[in-house]
Amino acid sequence: MGLWTLVEGFLLLANSLAILNDDRFLAPRGWGLSDFSGNRTKTFKGQVLGLIYAIQYLRVPLIILNSICIILKLVSG
């Protein structure tokens, strides 16, 4: 397992977190944006919610990174 495989794995993880829908998936399970407020941001659940919403906020750079990864895969094989 090389460094490139590890980078691809993190990119796939970021993609999976970016497509989670707040209304359909997160809120019915108690992981909505309304639960991410106040003193709960220090807990593990608050940290994970912060990560999810940060990744969803940065979708445009994620699209660019996906495009670069696809182009490199096409060129290198």
Protein backbone atom coordinates (compact mmCIF):
# COMPACT_ATOMS: atom_id res chain seq x y z
CA MET A 1 0.00 0.00 0.00
CA GLY A 2 1.56 3.21 -1.12
CA LEU A 3 1.01 6.85 -0.35
CA TRP A 4 -1.13 7.31 -3.46
CA THR A 5 -3.50 4.54 -2.34
CA LEU A 6 -3.83 6.20 1.05
CA VAL A 7 -4.63 9.56 -0.58
CA GLU A 8 -7.25 7.90 -2.77
CA GLY A 9 -8.79 6.27 0.29
CA PHE A 10 -9.11 9.60 2.09
CA LEU A 11 -10.58 11.14 -1.05
CA LEU A 12 -13.20 8.39 -1.23
CA LEU A 13 -14.01 8.90 2.46
CA ALA A 14 -14.41 12.64 1.90
CA ASN A 15 -16.70 11.92 -1.06
CA SER A 16 -18.86 9.64 1.04
CA LEU A 17 -19.23 12.28 3.76
CA ALA A 18 -19.92 15.04 1.23
CA ILE A 19 -22.97 13.33 -0.24
CA LEU A 20 -24.78 12.72 3.05
CA ASN A 21 -28.11 14.55 2.97
CA ASP A 22 -29.04 16.40 6.15
CA ASP A 23 -32.81 16.07 5.79
CA ARG A 24 -32.96 12.47 4.63
CA PHE A 25 -30.10 10.80 6.46
CA LEU A 26 -28.59 12.83 9.28
CA ALA A 27 -31.56 14.55 10.96
CA PRO A 28 -33.77 11.45 11.45
CA ARG A 29 -30.88 9.77 13.26
CA GLY A 30 -30.23 12.73 15.56
CA TRP A 31 -27.17 13.97 13.69
CA GLY A 32 -28.72 17.12 12.18
CA LEU A 33 -27.37 20.65 12.19
CA SER A 34 -29.70 21.58 15.05
CA ASP A 35 -27.95 19.00 17.27
CA PHE A 36 -24.60 20.61 16.49
CA SER A 37 -24.81 23.67 18.68
CA GLY A 38 -23.83 24.98 22.07
CA ASN A 39 -21.79 22.86 24.42
CA ARG A 40 -22.10 19.64 22.41
CA THR A 41 -19.32 20.56 19.99
CA LYS A 42 -16.69 19.15 22.36
CA THR A 43 -18.10 15.63 22.29
CA PHE A 44 -17.12 12.96 19.78
CA LYS A 45 -20.49 13.28 18.06
CA GLY A 46 -19.99 17.04 17.79
CA GLN A 47 -16.53 16.57 16.30
CA VAL A 48 -17.84 14.10 13.70
CA LEU A 49 -20.71 16.44 12.82
CA GLY A 50 -18.25 19.29 12.44
CA LEU A 51 -16.14 17.16 10.09
CA ILE A 52 -19.20 16.21 8.01
CA TYR A 53 -20.38 19.80 7.64
CA ALA A 54 -16.87 21.06 6.89
CA ILE A 55 -16.49 18.54 4.09
CA GLN A 56 -19.94 19.41 2.74
CA TYR A 57 -18.97 23.08 2.77
CA LEU A 58 -15.83 22.37 0.72
CA ARG A 59 -17.50 20.55 -2.17
CA VAL A 60 -15.91 22.65 -4.93
CA PRO A 61 -12.31 21.85 -3.89
CA LEU A 62 -13.39 18.22 -3.54
CA ILE A 63 -14.68 18.24 -7.12
CA ILE A 64 -11.34 19.68 -8.27
CA LEU A 65 -9.40 17.01 -6.35
CA ASN A 66 -11.60 14.29 -7.87
CA SER A 67 -10.94 15.66 -11.36
CA ILE A 68 -7.19 15.71 -10.74
CA CYS A 69 -7.31 12.15 -9.43
CA ILE A 70 -9.27 10.96 -12.48
CA ILE A 71 -6.86 12.66 -14.88
CA LEU A 72 -3.83 11.16 -13.11
CA LYS A 73 -5.41 7.71 -13.22
CA LEU A 74 -6.12 8.07 -16.93
CA VAL A 75 -2.57 9.21 -17.67
CA SER A 76 -0.69 6.76 -15.44
CA GLY A 77 -2.93 3.77 -15.90
